[in-house]
């Protein structure tokens, strides 16, 4: 398959964010991320909105993993699994809402920590 169809994971993703007090309506599946079509996900902290693309091309997944590898070389192997990749994206964005003033690094670290929970 050339793309990852994220909506198939909706139920599991909603459960993951609800564990942290985030309402299901915060997660939106979209055709494209506004102003950044190559991006797979985005958060609007103040509005409490998490956008994730309905279809993520494999090359975008690879670029995301490559970016994370620089900071989390021991963790990225987990992202070979498409569901874990999508869950990590959503958790990362969610932690930007929960811990609004934390760095990208800290939010990614928490997302990896909670990935298997």
PDB file of N, CA and C in Angstrom:
ATOM      1  N   UNK A   1       0.845  -1.180   0.000  1.00  0.00           N
ATOM      2  CA  UNK A   1       0.000   0.000   0.000  1.00  0.00           C
ATOM      3  C   UNK A   1       0.889   1.242   0.000  1.00  0.00           C
ATOM      4  N   UNK A   2       0.582   2.197  -0.847  1.00  0.00           N
ATOM      5  CA  UNK A   2       1.392   3.400  -0.980  1.00  0.00           C
ATOM      6  C   UNK A   2       1.072   4.468   0.052  1.00  0.00           C
ATOM      7  N   UNK A   3      -0.049   4.327   0.747  1.00  0.00           N
ATOM      8  CA  UNK A   3      -0.423   5.300   1.768  1.00  0.00           C
ATOM      9  C   UNK A   3      -0.893   4.587   3.028  1.00  0.00           C
ATOM     10  N   UNK A   4      -0.871   5.316   4.120  1.00  0.00           N
ATOM     11  CA  UNK A   4      -1.420   4.830   5.386  1.00  0.00           C
ATOM     12  C   UNK A   4      -2.778   5.489   5.540  1.00  0.00           C
ATOM     13  N   UNK A   5      -3.818   4.680   5.644  1.00  0.00           N
ATOM     14  CA  UNK A   5      -5.175   5.200   5.803  1.00  0.00           C
ATOM     15  C   UNK A   5      -5.459   5.311   7.304  1.00  0.00           C
ATOM     16  N   UNK A   6      -5.389   6.511   7.817  1.00  0.00           N
ATOM     17  CA  UNK A   6      -5.421   6.722   9.266  1.00  0.00           C
ATOM     18  C   UNK A   6      -6.788   6.528   9.911  1.00  0.00           C
ATOM     19  N   UNK A   7      -7.850   6.733   9.169  1.00  0.00           N
ATOM     20  CA  UNK A   7      -9.187   6.629   9.772  1.00  0.00           C
ATOM     21  C   UNK A   7      -9.501   5.224  10.270  1.00  0.00           C
ATOM     22  N   UNK A   8      -8.802   4.225   9.770  1.00  0.00           N
ATOM     23  CA  UNK A   8      -9.040   2.865  10.256  1.00  0.00           C
ATOM     24  C   UNK A   8      -8.639   2.719  11.724  1.00  0.00           C
ATOM     25  N   UNK A   9      -7.844   3.653  12.236  1.00  0.00           N
ATOM     26  CA  UNK A   9      -7.371   3.613  13.623  1.00  0.00           C
ATOM     27  C   UNK A   9      -8.142   4.565  14.533  1.00  0.00           C
ATOM     28  N   UNK A  10      -9.192   5.165  14.015  1.00  0.00           N
ATOM     29  CA  UNK A  10      -9.932   6.194  14.757  1.00  0.00           C
ATOM     30  C   UNK A  10     -10.285   5.760  16.181  1.00  0.00           C
ATOM     31  N   UNK A  11     -10.886   4.616  16.334  1.00  0.00           N
ATOM     32  CA  UNK A  11     -11.349   4.177  17.655  1.00  0.00           C
ATOM     33  C   UNK A  11     -10.196   4.083  18.658  1.00  0.00           C
ATOM     34  N   UNK A  12      -9.091   3.470  18.245  1.00  0.00           N
ATOM     35  CA  UNK A  12      -7.940   3.324  19.134  1.00  0.00           C
ATOM     36  C   UNK A  12      -7.300   4.673  19.457  1.00  0.00           C
ATOM     37  N   UNK A  13      -7.267   5.573  18.482  1.00  0.00           N
ATOM     38  CA  UNK A  13      -6.690   6.895  18.703  1.00  0.00           C
ATOM     39  C   UNK A  13      -7.542   7.718  19.658  1.00  0.00           C
ATOM     40  N   UNK A  14      -8.847   7.631  19.516  1.00  0.00           N
ATOM     41  CA  UNK A  14      -9.752   8.340  20.429  1.00  0.00           C
ATOM     42  C   UNK A  14      -9.552   7.825  21.856  1.00  0.00           C
ATOM     43  N   UNK A  15      -9.451   6.521  22.031  1.00  0.00           N
ATOM     44  CA  UNK A  15      -9.202   5.962  23.374  1.00  0.00           C
ATOM     45  C   UNK A  15      -7.894   6.480  23.951  1.00  0.00           C
ATOM     46  N   UNK A  16      -6.868   6.567  23.117  1.00  0.00           N
ATOM     47  CA  UNK A  16      -5.550   7.028  23.573  1.00  0.00           C
ATOM     48  C   UNK A  16      -5.604   8.473  24.068  1.00  0.00           C
ATOM     49  N   UNK A  17      -6.318   9.345  23.371  1.00  0.00           N
ATOM     50  CA  UNK A  17      -6.354  10.742  23.799  1.00  0.00           C
ATOM     51  C   UNK A  17      -7.311  10.938  24.975  1.00  0.00           C
ATOM     52  N   UNK A  18      -8.357  10.124  25.049  1.00  0.00           N
ATOM     53  CA  UNK A  18      -9.288  10.235  26.165  1.00  0.00           C
ATOM     54  C   UNK A  18      -8.620   9.877  27.496  1.00  0.00           C
ATOM     55  N   UNK A  19      -7.625   9.019  27.473  1.00  0.00           N
ATOM     56  CA  UNK A  19      -6.886   8.676  28.694  1.00  0.00           C
ATOM     57  C   UNK A  19      -6.244   9.901  29.328  1.00  0.00           C
ATOM     58  N   UNK A  20      -6.044  10.935  28.529  1.00  0.00           N
ATOM     59  CA  UNK A  20      -5.387  12.147  29.004  1.00  0.00           C
ATOM     60  C   UNK A  20      -6.355  13.327  29.098  1.00  0.00           C
ATOM     61  N   UNK A  21      -7.653  13.015  29.120  1.00  0.00           N
ATOM     62  CA  UNK A  21      -8.663  14.040  29.309  1.00  0.00           C
ATOM     63  C   UNK A  21      -8.998  14.849  28.068  1.00  0.00           C
ATOM     64  N   UNK A  22      -8.623  14.362  26.903  1.00  0.00           N
ATOM     65  CA  UNK A  22      -8.916  15.075  25.649  1.00  0.00           C
ATOM     66  C   UNK A  22     -10.185  14.485  25.035  1.00  0.00           C
ATOM     67  N   UNK A  23     -11.102  15.354  24.680  1.00  0.00           N
ATOM     68  CA  UNK A  23     -12.376  14.928  24.103  1.00  0.00           C
ATOM     69  C   UNK A  23     -12.186  14.400  22.679  1.00  0.00           C
ATOM     70  N   UNK A  24     -13.004  13.408  22.262  1.00  0.00           N
ATOM     71  CA  UNK A  24     -12.872  12.827  20.922  1.00  0.00           C
ATOM     72  C   UNK A  24     -12.995  13.830  19.785  1.00  0.00           C
ATOM     73  N   UNK A  25     -13.818  14.865  19.954  1.00  0.00           N
ATOM     74  CA  UNK A  25     -14.033  15.846  18.898  1.00  0.00           C
ATOM     75  C   UNK A  25     -12.807  16.684  18.566  1.00  0.00           C
ATOM     76  N   UNK A  26     -11.787  16.613  19.409  1.00  0.00           N
ATOM     77  CA  UNK A  26     -10.545  17.357  19.181  1.00  0.00           C
ATOM     78  C   UNK A  26      -9.789  16.785  17.984  1.00  0.00           C
ATOM     79  N   UNK A  27      -9.932  15.487  17.752  1.00  0.00           N
ATOM     80  CA  UNK A  27      -9.219  14.793  16.679  1.00  0.00           C
ATOM     81  C   UNK A  27     -10.022  14.877  15.384  1.00  0.00           C
ATOM     82  N   UNK A  28      -9.405  15.479  14.365  1.00  0.00           N
ATOM     83  CA  UNK A  28     -10.058  15.646  13.076  1.00  0.00           C
ATOM     84  C   UNK A  28      -9.218  14.997  11.980  1.00  0.00           C
ATOM     85  N   UNK A  29      -9.849  14.219  11.134  1.00  0.00           N
ATOM     86  CA  UNK A  29      -9.198  13.603   9.979  1.00  0.00           C
ATOM     87  C   UNK A  29      -9.464  14.496   8.773  1.00  0.00           C
ATOM     88  N   UNK A  30      -8.392  14.935   8.132  1.00  0.00           N
ATOM     89  CA  UNK A  30      -8.509  15.903   7.037  1.00  0.00           C
ATOM     90  C   UNK A  30      -7.788  15.401   5.789  1.00  0.00           C
ATOM     91  N   UNK A  31      -8.174  15.944   4.643  1.00  0.00           N
ATOM     92  CA  UNK A  31      -7.514  15.571   3.392  1.00  0.00           C
ATOM     93  C   UNK A  31      -6.107  16.150   3.310  1.00  0.00           C
ATOM     94  N   UNK A  32      -5.939  17.358   3.839  1.00  0.00           N
ATOM     95  CA  UNK A  32      -4.654  18.043   3.755  1.00  0.00           C
ATOM     96  C   UNK A  32      -4.498  18.973   4.951  1.00  0.00           C
ATOM     97  N   UNK A  33      -3.265  19.130   5.400  1.00  0.00           N
ATOM     98  CA  UNK A  33      -2.975  20.061   6.486  1.00  0.00           C
ATOM     99  C   UNK A  33      -2.860  21.458   5.865  1.00  0.00           C
ATOM    100  N   UNK A  34      -3.639  22.416   6.349  1.00  0.00           N
ATOM    101  CA  UNK A  34      -3.604  23.762   5.777  1.00  0.00           C
ATOM    102  C   UNK A  34      -2.194  24.364   5.806  1.00  0.00           C
ATOM    103  N   UNK A  35      -1.814  24.981   4.710  1.00  0.00           N
ATOM    104  CA  UNK A  35      -0.542  25.676   4.556  1.00  0.00           C
ATOM    105  C   UNK A  35       0.690  24.774   4.608  1.00  0.00           C
ATOM    106  N   UNK A  36       0.513  23.468   4.665  1.00  0.00           N
ATOM    107  CA  UNK A  36       1.657  22.558   4.702  1.00  0.00           C
ATOM    108  C   UNK A  36       1.233  21.164   4.237  1.00  0.00           C
ATOM    109  N   UNK A  37       1.028  20.986   2.935  1.00  0.00           N
ATOM    110  CA  UNK A  37       0.473  19.730   2.416  1.00  0.00           C
ATOM    111  C   UNK A  37       1.342  18.494   2.655  1.00  0.00           C
ATOM    112  N   UNK A  38       2.639  18.649   2.898  1.00  0.00           N
ATOM    113  CA  UNK A  38       3.501  17.480   3.142  1.00  0.00           C
ATOM    114  C   UNK A  38       3.446  17.014   4.595  1.00  0.00           C
ATOM    115  N   UNK A  39       2.943  17.848   5.446  1.00  0.00           N
ATOM    116  CA  UNK A  39       2.872  17.517   6.867  1.00  0.00           C
ATOM    117  C   UNK A  39       1.779  16.490   7.111  1.00  0.00           C
ATOM    118  N   UNK A  40       2.032  15.551   8.052  1.00  0.00           N
ATOM    119  CA  UNK A  40       1.066  14.485   8.333  1.00  0.00           C
ATOM    120  C   UNK A  40       0.073  14.859   9.424  1.00  0.00           C
ATOM    121  N   UNK A  41       0.470  15.746  10.325  1.00  0.00           N
ATOM    122  CA  UNK A  41      -0.412  16.143  11.425  1.00  0.00           C
ATOM    123  C   UNK A  41      -0.077  17.558  11.870  1.00  0.00           C
ATOM    124  N   UNK A  42      -0.991  18.121  12.637  1.00  0.00           N
ATOM    125  CA  UNK A  42      -0.791  19.479  13.146  1.00  0.00           C
ATOM    126  C   UNK A  42      -1.691  19.680  14.359  1.00  0.00           C
ATOM    127  N   UNK A  43      -1.230  20.517  15.273  1.00  0.00           N
ATOM    128  CA  UNK A  43      -2.032  20.847  16.442  1.00  0.00           C
ATOM    129  C   UNK A  43      -2.283  22.352  16.474  1.00  0.00           C
ATOM    130  N   UNK A  44      -3.468  22.697  16.927  1.00  0.00           N
ATOM    131  CA  UNK A  44      -3.811  24.074  17.241  1.00  0.00           C
ATOM    132  C   UNK A  44      -4.066  24.080  18.742  1.00  0.00           C
ATOM    133  N   UNK A  45      -3.065  24.519  19.498  1.00  0.00           N
ATOM    134  CA  UNK A  45      -3.100  24.403  20.962  1.00  0.00           C
ATOM    135  C   UNK A  45      -4.250  25.163  21.596  1.00  0.00           C
ATOM    136  N   UNK A  46      -4.406  26.411  21.235  1.00  0.00           N
ATOM    137  CA  UNK A  46      -5.430  27.242  21.870  1.00  0.00           C
ATOM    138  C   UNK A  46      -6.829  26.735  21.514  1.00  0.00           C
ATOM    139  N   UNK A  47      -7.023  26.359  20.266  1.00  0.00           N
ATOM    140  CA  UNK A  47      -8.323  25.847  19.821  1.00  0.00           C
ATOM    141  C   UNK A  47      -8.564  24.411  20.264  1.00  0.00           C
ATOM    142  N   UNK A  48      -7.513  23.745  20.723  1.00  0.00           N
ATOM    143  CA  UNK A  48      -7.564  22.325  21.096  1.00  0.00           C
ATOM    144  C   UNK A  48      -8.090  21.485  19.938  1.00  0.00           C
ATOM    145  N   UNK A  49      -7.319  21.534  18.846  1.00  0.00           N
ATOM    146  CA  UNK A  49      -7.644  20.752  17.646  1.00  0.00           C
ATOM    147  C   UNK A  49      -6.403  20.007  17.203  1.00  0.00           C
ATOM    148  N   UNK A  50      -6.596  18.739  16.897  1.00  0.00           N
ATOM    149  CA  UNK A  50      -5.532  17.919  16.328  1.00  0.00           C
ATOM    150  C   UNK A  50      -5.997  17.499  14.946  1.00  0.00           C
ATOM    151  N   UNK A  51      -5.223  17.861  13.932  1.00  0.00           N
ATOM    152  CA  UNK A  51      -5.516  17.456  12.567  1.00  0.00           C
ATOM    153  C   UNK A  51      -4.555  16.346  12.175  1.00  0.00           C
ATOM    154  N   UNK A  52      -5.089  15.317  11.542  1.00  0.00           N
ATOM    155  CA  UNK A  52      -4.253  14.261  10.984  1.00  0.00           C
ATOM    156  C   UNK A  52      -4.778  13.937   9.591  1.00  0.00           C
ATOM    157  N   UNK A  53      -3.851  13.759   8.678  1.00  0.00           N
ATOM    158  CA  UNK A  53      -4.257  13.466   7.305  1.00  0.00           C
ATOM    159  C   UNK A  53      -4.935  12.097   7.234  1.00  0.00           C
ATOM    160  N   UNK A  54      -5.965  12.018   6.418  1.00  0.00           N
ATOM    161  CA  UNK A  54      -6.662  10.745   6.209  1.00  0.00           C
ATOM    162  C   UNK A  54      -5.755   9.737   5.529  1.00  0.00           C
ATOM    163  N   UNK A  55      -4.925  10.209   4.608  1.00  0.00           N
ATOM    164  CA  UNK A  55      -3.993   9.348   3.877  1.00  0.00           C
ATOM    165  C   UNK A  55      -2.593   9.950   3.973  1.00  0.00           C
ATOM    166  N   UNK A  56      -1.682   9.180   4.531  1.00  0.00           N
ATOM    167  CA  UNK A  56      -0.301   9.642   4.664  1.00  0.00           C
ATOM    168  C   UNK A  56       0.557   8.838   3.700  1.00  0.00           C
ATOM    169  N   UNK A  57       1.166   9.501   2.719  1.00  0.00           N
ATOM    170  CA  UNK A  57       2.050   8.794   1.788  1.00  0.00           C
ATOM    171  C   UNK A  57       3.253   8.185   2.514  1.00  0.00           C
ATOM    172  N   UNK A  58       3.720   7.053   2.027  1.00  0.00           N
ATOM    173  CA  UNK A  58       4.873   6.367   2.633  1.00  0.00           C
ATOM    174  C   UNK A  58       6.103   7.275   2.709  1.00  0.00           C
ATOM    175  N   UNK A  59       6.314   8.092   1.681  1.00  0.00           N
ATOM    176  CA  UNK A  59       7.499   8.957   1.714  1.00  0.00           C
ATOM    177  C   UNK A  59       7.409   9.994   2.831  1.00  0.00           C
ATOM    178  N   UNK A  60       6.190  10.432   3.178  1.00  0.00           N
ATOM    179  CA  UNK A  60       6.023  11.356   4.306  1.00  0.00           C
ATOM    180  C   UNK A  60       6.291  10.643   5.626  1.00  0.00           C
ATOM    181  N   UNK A  61       5.873   9.385   5.717  1.00  0.00           N
ATOM    182  CA  UNK A  61       6.190   8.601   6.915  1.00  0.00           C
ATOM    183  C   UNK A  61       7.706   8.486   7.051  1.00  0.00           C
ATOM    184  N   UNK A  62       8.379   8.171   5.969  1.00  0.00           N
ATOM    185  CA  UNK A  62       9.834   8.036   5.997  1.00  0.00           C
ATOM    186  C   UNK A  62      10.520   9.323   6.415  1.00  0.00           C
ATOM    187  N   UNK A  63      10.059  10.455   5.923  1.00  0.00           N
ATOM    188  CA  UNK A  63      10.647  11.746   6.282  1.00  0.00           C
ATOM    189  C   UNK A  63      10.447  12.034   7.765  1.00  0.00           C
ATOM    190  N   UNK A  64       9.271  11.683   8.280  1.00  0.00           N
ATOM    191  CA  UNK A  64       8.986  11.904   9.695  1.00  0.00           C
ATOM    192  C   UNK A  64       9.894  11.039  10.569  1.00  0.00           C
ATOM    193  N   UNK A  65      10.046   9.786  10.192  1.00  0.00           N
ATOM    194  CA  UNK A  65      10.898   8.870  10.953  1.00  0.00           C
ATOM    195  C   UNK A  65      12.356   9.338  10.894  1.00  0.00           C
ATOM    196  N   UNK A  66      12.779   9.767   9.737  1.00  0.00           N
ATOM    197  CA  UNK A  66      14.153  10.267   9.582  1.00  0.00           C
ATOM    198  C   UNK A  66      14.403  11.457  10.500  1.00  0.00           C
ATOM    199  N   UNK A  67      13.444  12.353  10.593  1.00  0.00           N
ATOM    200  CA  UNK A  67      13.551  13.519  11.469  1.00  0.00           C
ATOM    201  C   UNK A  67      13.649  13.084  12.934  1.00  0.00           C
ATOM    202  N   UNK A  68      12.801  12.142  13.344  1.00  0.00           N
ATOM    203  CA  UNK A  68      12.801  11.679  14.734  1.00  0.00           C
ATOM    204  C   UNK A  68      14.052  10.882  15.082  1.00  0.00           C
ATOM    205  N   UNK A  69      14.631  10.210  14.092  1.00  0.00           N
ATOM    206  CA  UNK A  69      15.806   9.383  14.332  1.00  0.00           C
ATOM    207  C   UNK A  69      16.967  10.198  14.919  1.00  0.00           C
ATOM    208  N   UNK A  70      17.077  11.440  14.490  1.00  0.00           N
ATOM    209  CA  UNK A  70      18.164  12.292  14.973  1.00  0.00           C
ATOM    210  C   UNK A  70      18.111  12.497  16.487  1.00  0.00           C
ATOM    211  N   UNK A  71      16.919  12.500  17.056  1.00  0.00           N
ATOM    212  CA  UNK A  71      16.772  12.743  18.492  1.00  0.00           C
ATOM    213  C   UNK A  71      16.392  11.505  19.289  1.00  0.00           C
ATOM    214  N   UNK A  72      15.798  10.522  18.627  1.00  0.00           N
ATOM    215  CA  UNK A  72      15.320   9.322  19.316  1.00  0.00           C
ATOM    216  C   UNK A  72      15.729   8.055  18.572  1.00  0.00           C
ATOM    217  N   UNK A  73      17.019   7.823  18.383  1.00  0.00           N
ATOM    218  CA  UNK A  73      17.449   6.677  17.562  1.00  0.00           C
ATOM    219  C   UNK A  73      17.001   5.321  18.096  1.00  0.00           C
ATOM    220  N   UNK A  74      16.840   5.204  19.411  1.00  0.00           N
ATOM    221  CA  UNK A  74      16.440   3.922  19.991  1.00  0.00           C
ATOM    222  C   UNK A  74      14.931   3.682  19.930  1.00  0.00           C
ATOM    223  N   UNK A  75      14.169   4.700  19.613  1.00  0.00           N
ATOM    224  CA  UNK A  75      12.711   4.607  19.632  1.00  0.00           C
ATOM    225  C   UNK A  75      12.078   4.413  18.251  1.00  0.00           C
ATOM    226  N   UNK A  76      12.726   4.886  17.210  1.00  0.00           N
ATOM    227  CA  UNK A  76      12.064   4.938  15.905  1.00  0.00           C
ATOM    228  C   UNK A  76      11.741   3.571  15.310  1.00  0.00           C
ATOM    229  N   UNK A  77      12.392   2.525  15.743  1.00  0.00           N
ATOM    230  CA  UNK A  77      12.072   1.187  15.226  1.00  0.00           C
ATOM    231  C   UNK A  77      10.608   0.835  15.506  1.00  0.00           C
ATOM    232  N   UNK A  78      10.069   1.369  16.588  1.00  0.00           N
ATOM    233  CA  UNK A  78       8.659   1.118  16.935  1.00  0.00           C
ATOM    234  C   UNK A  78       7.712   1.640  15.849  1.00  0.00           C
ATOM    235  N   UNK A  79       8.161   2.646  15.109  1.00  0.00           N
ATOM    236  CA  UNK A  79       7.298   3.316  14.140  1.00  0.00           C
ATOM    237  C   UNK A  79       7.206   2.599  12.804  1.00  0.00           C
ATOM    238  N   UNK A  80       7.886   1.485  12.669  1.00  0.00           N
ATOM    239  CA  UNK A  80       7.738   0.683  11.446  1.00  0.00           C
ATOM    240  C   UNK A  80       6.301   0.198  11.314  1.00  0.00           C
ATOM    241  N   UNK A  81       5.668  -0.092  12.439  1.00  0.00           N
ATOM    242  CA  UNK A  81       4.261  -0.482  12.482  1.00  0.00           C
ATOM    243  C   UNK A  81       3.418   0.761  12.189  1.00  0.00           C
ATOM    244  N   UNK A  82       2.560   0.696  11.176  1.00  0.00           N
ATOM    245  CA  UNK A  82       1.776   1.869  10.764  1.00  0.00           C
ATOM    246  C   UNK A  82       0.895   2.406  11.886  1.00  0.00           C
ATOM    247  N   UNK A  83       0.258   1.525  12.652  1.00  0.00           N
ATOM    248  CA  UNK A  83      -0.596   2.011  13.734  1.00  0.00           C
ATOM    249  C   UNK A  83       0.224   2.779  14.767  1.00  0.00           C
ATOM    250  N   UNK A  84       1.367   2.252  15.136  1.00  0.00           N
ATOM    251  CA  UNK A  84       2.204   2.943  16.126  1.00  0.00           C
ATOM    252  C   UNK A  84       2.713   4.271  15.583  1.00  0.00           C
ATOM    253  N   UNK A  85       3.001   4.321  14.295  1.00  0.00           N
ATOM    254  CA  UNK A  85       3.415   5.577  13.680  1.00  0.00           C
ATOM    255  C   UNK A  85       2.304   6.620  13.810  1.00  0.00           C
ATOM    256  N   UNK A  86       1.086   6.244  13.460  1.00  0.00           N
ATOM    257  CA  UNK A  86      -0.054   7.172  13.523  1.00  0.00           C
ATOM    258  C   UNK A  86      -0.348   7.549  14.972  1.00  0.00           C
ATOM    259  N   UNK A  87      -0.300   6.580  15.869  1.00  0.00           N
ATOM    260  CA  UNK A  87      -0.558   6.860  17.283  1.00  0.00           C
ATOM    261  C   UNK A  87       0.492   7.820  17.840  1.00  0.00           C
ATOM    262  N   UNK A  88       1.747   7.643  17.465  1.00  0.00           N
ATOM    263  CA  UNK A  88       2.796   8.535  17.942  1.00  0.00           C
ATOM    264  C   UNK A  88       2.541   9.959  17.461  1.00  0.00           C
ATOM    265  N   UNK A  89       2.119  10.124  16.206  1.00  0.00           N
ATOM    266  CA  UNK A  89       1.795  11.453  15.686  1.00  0.00           C
ATOM    267  C   UNK A  89       0.699  12.119  16.511  1.00  0.00           C
ATOM    268  N   UNK A  90      -0.366  11.367  16.779  1.00  0.00           N
ATOM    269  CA  UNK A  90      -1.508  11.921  17.513  1.00  0.00           C
ATOM    270  C   UNK A  90      -1.114  12.222  18.961  1.00  0.00           C
ATOM    271  N   UNK A  91      -0.384  11.313  19.605  1.00  0.00           N
ATOM    272  CA  UNK A  91       0.048  11.565  20.981  1.00  0.00           C
ATOM    273  C   UNK A  91       0.968  12.783  21.051  1.00  0.00           C
ATOM    274  N   UNK A  92       1.868  12.888  20.114  1.00  0.00           N
ATOM    275  CA  UNK A  92       2.777  14.036  20.064  1.00  0.00           C
ATOM    276  C   UNK A  92       1.986  15.343  20.001  1.00  0.00           C
ATOM    277  N   UNK A  93       1.015  15.399  19.105  1.00  0.00           N
ATOM    278  CA  UNK A  93       0.202  16.611  18.975  1.00  0.00           C
ATOM    279  C   UNK A  93      -0.643  16.833  20.230  1.00  0.00           C
ATOM    280  N   UNK A  94      -1.173  15.744  20.797  1.00  0.00           N
ATOM    281  CA  UNK A  94      -1.992  15.854  21.995  1.00  0.00           C
ATOM    282  C   UNK A  94      -1.191  16.417  23.162  1.00  0.00           C
ATOM    283  N   UNK A  95       0.053  15.981  23.319  1.00  0.00           N
ATOM    284  CA  UNK A  95       0.868  16.484  24.415  1.00  0.00           C
ATOM    285  C   UNK A  95       1.192  17.958  24.254  1.00  0.00           C
ATOM    286  N   UNK A  96       1.128  18.468  23.035  1.00  0.00           N
ATOM    287  CA  UNK A  96       1.275  19.913  22.851  1.00  0.00           C
ATOM    288  C   UNK A  96       0.075  20.652  23.437  1.00  0.00           C
ATOM    289  N   UNK A  97      -1.075  20.020  23.481  1.00  0.00           N
ATOM    290  CA  UNK A  97      -2.255  20.621  24.125  1.00  0.00           C
ATOM    291  C   UNK A  97      -2.154  20.462  25.635  1.00  0.00           C
ATOM    292  N   UNK A  98      -1.859  19.258  26.096  1.00  0.00           N
ATOM    293  CA  UNK A  98      -1.815  18.972  27.530  1.00  0.00           C
ATOM    294  C   UNK A  98      -0.709  19.774  28.218  1.00  0.00           C
ATOM    295  N   UNK A  99       0.460  19.815  27.602  1.00  0.00           N
ATOM    296  CA  UNK A  99       1.615  20.530  28.150  1.00  0.00           C
ATOM    297  C   UNK A  99       1.981  21.660  27.192  1.00  0.00           C
ATOM    298  N   UNK A 100       1.143  22.631  27.122  1.00  0.00           N
ATOM    299  CA  UNK A 100       1.156  23.671  26.095  1.00  0.00           C
ATOM    300  C   UNK A 100       2.492  24.379  25.902  1.00  0.00           C
ATOM    301  N   UNK A 101       3.266  24.530  26.939  1.00  0.00           N
ATOM    302  CA  UNK A 101       4.500  25.309  26.818  1.00  0.00           C
ATOM    303  C   UNK A 101       5.754  24.445  26.728  1.00  0.00           C
ATOM    304  N   UNK A 102       5.590  23.157  26.560  1.00  0.00           N
ATOM    305  CA  UNK A 102       6.747  22.277  26.444  1.00  0.00           C
ATOM    306  C   UNK A 102       7.303  22.287  25.018  1.00  0.00           C
ATOM    307  N   UNK A 103       8.551  21.889  24.900  1.00  0.00           N
ATOM    308  CA  UNK A 103       9.226  21.856  23.599  1.00  0.00           C
ATOM    309  C   UNK A 103       8.744  20.677  22.762  1.00  0.00           C
ATOM    310  N   UNK A 104       9.046  20.724  21.476  1.00  0.00           N
ATOM    311  CA  UNK A 104       8.743  19.607  20.588  1.00  0.00           C
ATOM    312  C   UNK A 104       9.417  18.333  21.084  1.00  0.00           C
ATOM    313  N   UNK A 105      10.661  18.466  21.523  1.00  0.00           N
ATOM    314  CA  UNK A 105      11.412  17.314  22.021  1.00  0.00           C
ATOM    315  C   UNK A 105      10.676  16.640  23.180  1.00  0.00           C
ATOM    316  N   UNK A 106      10.243  17.424  24.159  1.00  0.00           N
ATOM    317  CA  UNK A 106       9.553  16.866  25.326  1.00  0.00           C
ATOM    318  C   UNK A 106       8.234  16.202  24.930  1.00  0.00           C
ATOM    319  N   UNK A 107       7.495  16.812  24.029  1.00  0.00           N
ATOM    320  CA  UNK A 107       6.224  16.220  23.593  1.00  0.00           C
ATOM    321  C   UNK A 107       6.467  14.914  22.840  1.00  0.00           C
ATOM    322  N   UNK A 108       7.497  14.866  22.016  1.00  0.00           N
ATOM    323  CA  UNK A 108       7.834  13.628  21.308  1.00  0.00           C
ATOM    324  C   UNK A 108       8.281  12.555  22.286  1.00  0.00           C
ATOM    325  N   UNK A 109       9.046  12.946  23.304  1.00  0.00           N
ATOM    326  CA  UNK A 109       9.510  11.989  24.323  1.00  0.00           C
ATOM    327  C   UNK A 109       8.313  11.379  25.059  1.00  0.00           C
ATOM    328  N   UNK A 110       7.357  12.213  25.470  1.00  0.00           N
ATOM    329  CA  UNK A 110       6.167  11.697  26.144  1.00  0.00           C
ATOM    330  C   UNK A 110       5.353  10.806  25.210  1.00  0.00           C
ATOM    331  N   UNK A 111       5.275  11.176  23.946  1.00  0.00           N
ATOM    332  CA  UNK A 111       4.527  10.362  22.990  1.00  0.00           C
ATOM    333  C   UNK A 111       5.155   8.980  22.857  1.00  0.00           C
ATOM    334  N   UNK A 112       6.471   8.904  22.773  1.00  0.00           N
ATOM    335  CA  UNK A 112       7.124   7.600  22.721  1.00  0.00           C
ATOM    336  C   UNK A 112       6.894   6.820  24.007  1.00  0.00           C
ATOM    337  N   UNK A 113       6.954   7.484  25.134  1.00  0.00           N
ATOM    338  CA  UNK A 113       6.736   6.816  26.422  1.00  0.00           C
ATOM    339  C   UNK A 113       5.346   6.186  26.483  1.00  0.00           C
ATOM    340  N   UNK A 114       4.341   6.885  25.999  1.00  0.00           N
ATOM    341  CA  UNK A 114       2.953   6.407  26.081  1.00  0.00           C
ATOM    342  C   UNK A 114       2.538   5.564  24.879  1.00  0.00           C
ATOM    343  N   UNK A 115       3.411   5.363  23.929  1.00  0.00           N
ATOM    344  CA  UNK A 115       3.071   4.657  22.705  1.00  0.00           C
ATOM    345  C   UNK A 115       2.562   3.241  22.958  1.00  0.00           C
ATOM    346  N   UNK A 116       3.134   2.529  23.884  1.00  0.00           N
ATOM    347  CA  UNK A 116       2.742   1.138  24.137  1.00  0.00           C
ATOM    348  C   UNK A 116       1.756   0.992  25.285  1.00  0.00           C
ATOM    349  N   UNK A 117       1.249   2.094  25.786  1.00  0.00           N
ATOM    350  CA  UNK A 117       0.310   2.010  26.921  1.00  0.00           C
ATOM    351  C   UNK A 117      -1.113   1.992  26.450  1.00  0.00           C
TER     352      UNK A 117
END
